[in-house]
Protein backbone atom coordinates (compact mmCIF):
# COMPACT_ATOMS: atom_id res chain seq x y z
CA MET A 1 -5.12 22.92 16.80
CA TRP A 2 -3.84 24.80 13.74
CA ALA A 3 -7.42 25.52 12.57
CA ALA A 4 -8.35 26.74 16.06
CA ASP A 5 -5.44 29.17 16.00
CA GLN A 6 -6.83 30.50 12.71
CA GLY A 7 -10.30 30.82 14.20
CA VAL A 8 -12.03 28.45 11.76
CA SER A 9 -13.64 25.03 11.89
CA PRO A 10 -11.65 22.26 10.17
CA VAL A 11 -14.75 20.94 8.36
CA ALA A 12 -15.72 24.39 7.11
CA ALA A 13 -12.34 25.92 6.29
CA PRO A 14 -12.01 27.39 2.78
CA ILE A 15 -9.72 25.52 0.43
CA GLN A 16 -7.19 28.36 0.48
CA LEU A 17 -6.76 27.94 4.24
CA ILE A 18 -6.38 24.16 3.83
CA LEU A 19 -3.59 24.74 1.34
CA ASP A 20 -1.93 27.12 3.81
CA TYR A 21 -2.03 24.28 6.34
CA LEU A 22 -0.35 21.93 3.86
CA LEU A 23 2.35 24.54 3.27
CA HIS A 24 2.83 24.78 7.04
CA LEU A 25 3.27 20.99 7.30
CA ARG A 26 5.79 20.87 4.47
CA ALA A 27 7.74 23.77 5.96
CA GLN A 28 7.89 21.83 9.25
CA GLY A 29 9.74 19.01 7.48
CA LEU A 30 6.99 16.50 6.68
CA VAL A 31 7.66 14.45 3.56
CA PRO A 32 5.18 14.69 0.65
CA SER A 33 3.54 11.35 1.47
CA SER A 34 2.83 12.48 5.05
CA VAL A 35 1.38 15.75 3.80
CA LYS A 36 -0.98 13.80 1.55
CA VAL A 37 -2.10 11.69 4.52
CA HIS A 38 -3.19 14.89 6.29
CA LEU A 39 -4.90 16.05 3.12
CA ALA A 40 -6.78 12.76 2.76
CA ALA A 41 -8.00 12.97 6.37
CA ILE A 42 -9.25 16.51 5.83
CA SER A 43 -10.89 15.55 2.54
CA ALA A 44 -12.79 12.68 4.20
CA PHE A 45 -14.71 15.10 6.47
CA HIS A 46 -14.74 18.30 4.46
CA PRO A 47 -17.76 18.95 2.19
CA PRO A 48 -17.09 19.00 -1.58
CA VAL A 49 -15.81 22.18 -3.14
CA GLN A 50 -17.27 22.99 -6.57
CA GLY A 51 -18.36 19.39 -6.94
CA HIS A 52 -14.98 17.86 -6.06
CA THR A 53 -13.41 16.63 -2.86
CA VAL A 54 -10.63 18.74 -1.44
CA PHE A 55 -8.10 16.05 -2.34
CA PHE A 56 -9.05 15.96 -6.05
CA HIS A 57 -9.77 19.65 -6.50
CA ALA A 58 -7.83 21.20 -9.40
CA MET A 59 -6.41 23.92 -7.16
CA THR A 60 -5.09 21.28 -4.76
CA GLY A 61 -3.33 19.39 -7.55
CA GLN A 62 -1.61 22.53 -8.78
CA PHE A 63 -0.65 23.46 -5.22
CA LEU A 64 0.95 20.06 -4.55
CA LYS A 65 3.03 20.40 -7.70
CA GLY A 66 4.14 23.81 -6.49
CA LEU A 67 5.11 22.31 -3.12
CA ASP A 68 7.32 19.77 -4.90
CA ARG A 69 9.14 22.61 -6.64
CA LEU A 70 9.36 24.76 -3.53
CA PHE A 71 10.52 21.89 -1.30
CA PRO A 72 12.23 19.35 -3.59
CA TYR A 73 12.43 15.97 -1.88
CA SER A 74 15.78 14.23 -2.03
CA ARG A 75 16.24 10.57 -1.26
CA PRO A 76 18.22 10.04 1.98
CA PRO A 77 21.75 8.71 1.45
CA VAL A 78 22.42 5.04 2.01
CA PRO A 79 23.66 4.06 5.49
CA GLN A 80 27.29 5.11 5.91
CA TRP A 81 28.41 2.05 7.85
CA GLU A 82 29.54 -1.36 6.60
CA LEU A 83 27.62 -4.41 7.70
CA ASN A 84 30.62 -6.74 7.34
CA LEU A 85 32.74 -4.47 9.53
CA VAL A 86 30.19 -4.55 12.35
CA LEU A 87 29.70 -8.32 12.08
CA ALA A 88 33.46 -8.90 12.19
CA ARG A 89 33.83 -6.91 15.42
CA LEU A 90 30.91 -8.73 17.04
CA THR A 91 32.88 -11.99 16.81
CA GLY A 92 35.68 -10.80 19.12
CA PRO A 93 36.42 -8.67 22.17
CA LEU A 94 34.57 -6.78 23.68
CA PHE A 95 31.53 -8.76 22.54
CA GLU A 96 32.99 -12.22 23.08
CA PRO A 97 33.03 -14.41 25.08
CA LEU A 98 29.35 -13.60 25.32
CA ALA A 99 28.85 -15.26 28.70
CA THR A 100 31.35 -12.94 30.40
CA CYS A 101 31.04 -9.69 28.43
CA SER A 102 29.56 -6.60 30.04
CA TRP A 103 25.83 -6.02 30.19
CA SER A 104 26.10 -3.08 27.82
CA HIS A 105 27.90 -5.03 25.11
CA LEU A 106 25.55 -7.99 25.53
CA SER A 107 22.44 -5.82 25.19
CA TRP A 108 23.94 -3.95 22.22
CA LYS A 109 24.88 -7.14 20.42
CA VAL A 110 21.53 -8.85 20.98
CA ALA A 111 19.57 -5.79 19.86
CA PHE A 112 21.69 -5.46 16.71
CA LEU A 113 21.54 -9.16 15.79
CA VAL A 114 17.78 -9.30 16.24
CA ALA A 115 17.35 -6.12 14.18
CA ILE A 116 19.65 -7.19 11.33
CA THR A 117 18.33 -10.78 11.04
CA SER A 118 14.67 -9.86 11.34
CA ALA A 119 14.66 -6.93 8.88
CA ARG A 120 12.03 -5.24 11.03
CA GLN A 121 11.64 -1.70 12.32
CA VAL A 122 12.61 -0.83 15.88
CA SER A 123 8.97 -0.17 16.81
CA GLU A 124 8.16 -3.80 15.97
CA LEU A 125 11.15 -5.12 17.91
CA ARG A 126 10.11 -3.14 20.97
CA ALA A 127 6.71 -4.88 20.87
CA LEU A 128 8.28 -8.34 21.19
CA THR A 129 7.61 -10.22 24.41
CA SER A 130 9.56 -12.85 26.29
CA GLU A 131 6.50 -14.95 27.11
CA SER A 132 6.86 -18.54 25.92
CA LEU A 133 3.77 -18.22 23.75
CA TYR A 134 5.41 -15.41 21.74
CA THR A 135 9.09 -16.39 21.88
CA VAL A 136 9.66 -19.98 20.81
CA PHE A 137 13.12 -21.56 20.47
CA HIS A 138 13.13 -24.28 17.82
CA LYS A 139 16.17 -26.38 16.91
CA ASP A 140 16.79 -24.49 13.68
CA LYS A 141 15.26 -21.06 14.38
CA VAL A 142 13.70 -18.69 16.87
CA GLN A 143 10.08 -17.74 16.28
CA LEU A 144 9.00 -14.34 17.59
CA ARG A 145 5.77 -12.45 17.39
CA PRO A 146 4.81 -9.02 18.75
CA HIS A 147 2.26 -8.62 21.50
CA PRO A 148 -1.32 -8.77 20.11
CA ALA A 149 -1.98 -5.25 21.35
CA PHE A 150 0.77 -3.84 19.11
CA LEU A 151 -0.39 -1.94 16.03
CA PRO A 152 2.19 -1.71 13.21
CA LYS A 153 2.67 1.30 10.99
CA VAL A 154 0.31 -0.25 8.43
CA VAL A 155 -2.65 -1.87 10.17
CA SER A 156 -3.78 -4.76 8.01
CA ALA A 157 -4.16 -8.52 8.29
CA TYR A 158 -1.00 -8.96 6.20
CA HIS A 159 1.20 -6.71 8.33
CA MET A 160 -0.19 -7.90 11.68
CA GLY A 161 -0.05 -11.61 10.91
CA GLN A 162 3.67 -11.96 10.12
CA ASP A 163 5.81 -13.86 12.62
CA ILE A 164 9.54 -13.16 12.87
CA PHE A 165 11.95 -16.03 12.28
CA LEU A 166 15.58 -15.72 13.31
CA PRO A 167 18.21 -18.19 12.04
CA VAL A 168 20.57 -20.56 13.84
CA LEU A 169 24.25 -20.40 12.82
CA CYS A 170 26.56 -23.31 13.67
CA PRO A 171 25.02 -24.27 17.05
CA LYS A 172 28.07 -26.47 17.81
CA SER A 173 31.60 -25.38 16.91
CA HIS A 174 35.17 -25.54 18.12
CA ALA A 175 37.53 -22.57 18.17
CA PRO A 176 39.41 -21.51 16.17
CA SER A 177 37.49 -22.12 12.96
CA GLU A 178 35.23 -20.39 10.49
CA GLU A 179 32.30 -22.21 12.05
CA HIS A 180 33.23 -20.75 15.42
CA CYS A 181 33.06 -17.20 14.01
CA LEU A 182 29.60 -17.92 12.67
CA HIS A 183 28.68 -19.41 16.03
CA THR A 184 29.50 -16.10 17.75
CA LEU A 185 26.96 -14.43 15.44
CA ASP A 186 24.24 -16.97 16.27
CA VAL A 187 21.21 -14.90 17.27
CA TRP A 188 19.58 -18.01 18.81
CA ARG A 189 22.52 -18.32 21.22
CA ALA A 190 22.72 -14.59 21.96
CA LEU A 191 19.01 -14.23 22.62
CA ALA A 192 18.87 -17.31 24.88
CA LEU A 193 21.78 -16.01 26.96
CA TYR A 194 20.20 -12.56 27.12
CA LEU A 195 17.00 -14.02 28.53
CA GLU A 196 18.99 -16.08 31.01
CA ARG A 197 20.96 -13.07 32.29
CA THR A 198 17.86 -10.87 32.61
CA ARG A 199 15.73 -13.47 34.37
CA PRO A 200 16.87 -12.56 37.94
CA PHE A 201 15.68 -8.95 37.64
CA ARG A 202 13.09 -9.17 34.87
CA ARG A 203 9.74 -7.72 35.93
CA SER A 204 8.40 -6.94 32.49
CA SER A 205 7.28 -9.43 29.85
CA GLN A 206 8.81 -7.22 27.16
CA LEU A 207 11.69 -8.95 25.39
CA PHE A 208 14.12 -6.04 25.67
CA VAL A 209 14.31 -4.68 29.20
CA SER A 210 16.28 -2.05 31.06
CA SER A 211 19.00 -3.02 33.51
CA ALA A 212 18.80 0.18 35.57
CA GLN A 213 17.69 -0.55 39.13
CA ARG A 214 15.05 2.17 39.15
CA ALA A 215 13.60 1.12 35.80
CA ARG A 216 13.66 -2.67 35.88
CA ASP A 217 9.89 -2.85 36.16
CA GLN A 218 9.40 -0.47 33.21
CA PRO A 219 9.38 -1.47 29.51
CA ILE A 220 12.28 -0.17 27.48
CA SER A 221 11.38 2.70 25.15
CA THR A 222 11.76 2.70 21.39
CA GLN A 223 14.37 5.44 21.74
CA ARG A 224 16.40 3.38 24.21
CA LEU A 225 16.27 0.31 21.97
CA SER A 226 17.36 2.44 19.02
CA SER A 227 20.23 3.74 21.13
CA ARG A 228 21.43 0.18 21.79
CA ILE A 229 21.54 -0.57 18.07
CA THR A 230 23.33 2.63 17.13
CA SER A 231 25.74 2.23 20.06
CA CYS A 232 26.63 -1.22 18.78
CA ILE A 233 27.37 0.14 15.31
CA GLY A 234 29.39 3.07 16.66
CA SER A 235 31.36 0.88 19.07
CA CYS A 236 32.28 -1.59 16.31
CA CYS A 237 33.51 1.25 14.10
CA GLU A 238 35.66 2.66 16.90
CA LEU A 239 37.12 -0.76 17.76
CA THR A 240 38.14 -1.15 14.11
CA GLY A 241 39.68 2.30 13.97
CA VAL A 242 37.10 3.59 11.52
CA PRO A 243 35.48 6.94 12.37
CA PRO A 244 31.79 6.29 13.08
CA PRO A 245 29.30 7.99 10.76
CA PRO A 246 28.11 11.41 11.97
CA ILE A 247 24.51 10.17 11.93
CA VAL A 248 23.52 6.54 12.51
CA ARG A 249 19.87 5.58 12.48
CA ALA A 250 18.68 2.38 14.08
CA ASN A 251 16.30 1.59 11.23
CA SER A 252 19.25 1.60 8.83
CA THR A 253 19.58 -2.07 9.82
CA TRP A 254 16.30 -2.51 7.94
CA VAL A 255 17.97 -1.22 4.79
CA GLN A 256 21.20 -3.17 5.29
CA ALA A 257 19.41 -6.46 6.00
CA SER A 258 17.11 -6.34 2.98
CA SER A 259 19.94 -5.21 0.70
CA ALA A 260 22.32 -7.94 1.90
CA ALA A 261 19.63 -10.56 1.31
CA PHE A 262 18.91 -9.07 -2.11
CA MET A 263 22.59 -9.23 -3.12
CA ALA A 264 22.78 -12.82 -1.84
CA HIS A 265 20.06 -13.73 -4.36
CA VAL A 266 17.40 -14.45 -1.75
CA PRO A 267 14.05 -14.52 -3.60
CA ILE A 268 12.58 -11.05 -3.51
CA GLN A 269 9.23 -12.42 -2.34
CA ASP A 270 10.95 -13.91 0.73
CA ILE A 271 12.63 -10.58 1.53
CA CYS A 272 9.33 -8.71 1.26
CA ARG A 273 7.59 -11.25 3.46
CA ALA A 274 10.31 -11.00 6.13
CA ALA A 275 10.21 -7.20 6.10
CA THR A 276 6.38 -7.16 5.80
CA TRP A 277 6.35 -5.32 2.48
CA SER A 278 3.26 -6.11 0.46
CA SER A 279 4.89 -4.87 -2.77
CA VAL A 280 8.28 -5.69 -4.28
CA HIS A 281 8.50 -2.08 -5.48
CA THR A 282 9.11 -0.98 -1.87
CA LEU A 283 12.39 -2.90 -1.85
CA THR A 284 13.58 -2.03 -5.35
CA SER A 285 12.68 1.65 -5.07
CA HIS A 286 13.77 2.51 -1.54
CA TYR A 287 15.76 -0.20 0.24
CA ALA A 288 17.99 -2.09 -2.18
CA ILE A 289 21.56 -0.85 -1.80
CA VAL A 290 23.17 -2.23 -4.93
CA PRO A 291 26.96 -1.80 -5.01
CA ARG A 292 28.12 0.20 -7.98
CA THR A 293 30.00 -1.78 -10.59
CA ARG A 294 32.68 -0.85 -13.10
CA ASP A 295 30.01 -0.08 -15.71
CA ASP A 296 28.77 2.92 -13.68
CA ALA A 297 32.02 4.78 -14.38
CA GLU A 298 32.67 3.38 -17.84
CA CYS A 299 32.08 6.66 -19.67
CA GLY A 300 34.42 8.73 -17.50
CA ARG A 301 37.09 6.02 -17.50
CA ALA A 302 37.05 5.89 -21.30
CA VAL A 303 37.53 9.67 -21.49
CA LEU A 304 40.49 9.76 -19.06
CA CYS A 305 42.38 6.69 -20.20
CA PRO A 306 41.05 5.46 -23.54
CA GLY A 307 44.19 3.43 -24.34
CA ASN A 308 43.85 1.26 -21.25
CA LEU A 309 40.34 -0.01 -21.96
């Protein structure tokens, strides 16, 4: 479309015009990695320029460096909500007793618990199905798998062949006790009750369904599922008296889950397998929220109060 507006063919465009297109993409807000994906696609069909592909042309390399200076990429801040705060609110009113809570709070809680215990993106959770072949309740876990037609962000045998396993927490408990609090966070229990309450009006095999009368036969959208997760986080913050973050993203559960597992000394290979990361560098570089310790401020503390150290 952009090449058509310029009146040129994409496979015959001069390299200067291709670089203008990359500048246009970056100015629209695409991150550097996404810009390079576009460049690689163009390079695959464009004839070589001066004996080099468009991707590896010297002018392209210099241009990409200039883009990095013109549009410096900053790492997004870590999620501004506390996982323990949300989990604590999910153990009491308005989310418990689960059998009698409102539909909204039930759907919010189930969506959040599945997201936080699976360490998967919302797009993958939307692809889950309630069919018995794809949702299996074992004694010690729930085994989920997306519909075979679903294509993940990275299409490979590794990323498409990973089942989701959700834990069981204290299946039998008596209130009040610590075990009872864990029982209220049992995703096995919450998901089973969710399926039971949606059975009378369920017309879609999708795991997460809408409760609206006019949309009960329609699958829930990724945006709607994201809204349930963020609504759960925001509601828990408000119930605790903590102002909710100005921006809450549903996929921040992905970051929180992997980081909590990392800090609990779960083997990094197990975390990567659960989150379908083929490399441990993905976790350590982008998703591990490591709490800052006293050593991070040691220099400044020594300057301000040297006699107390």
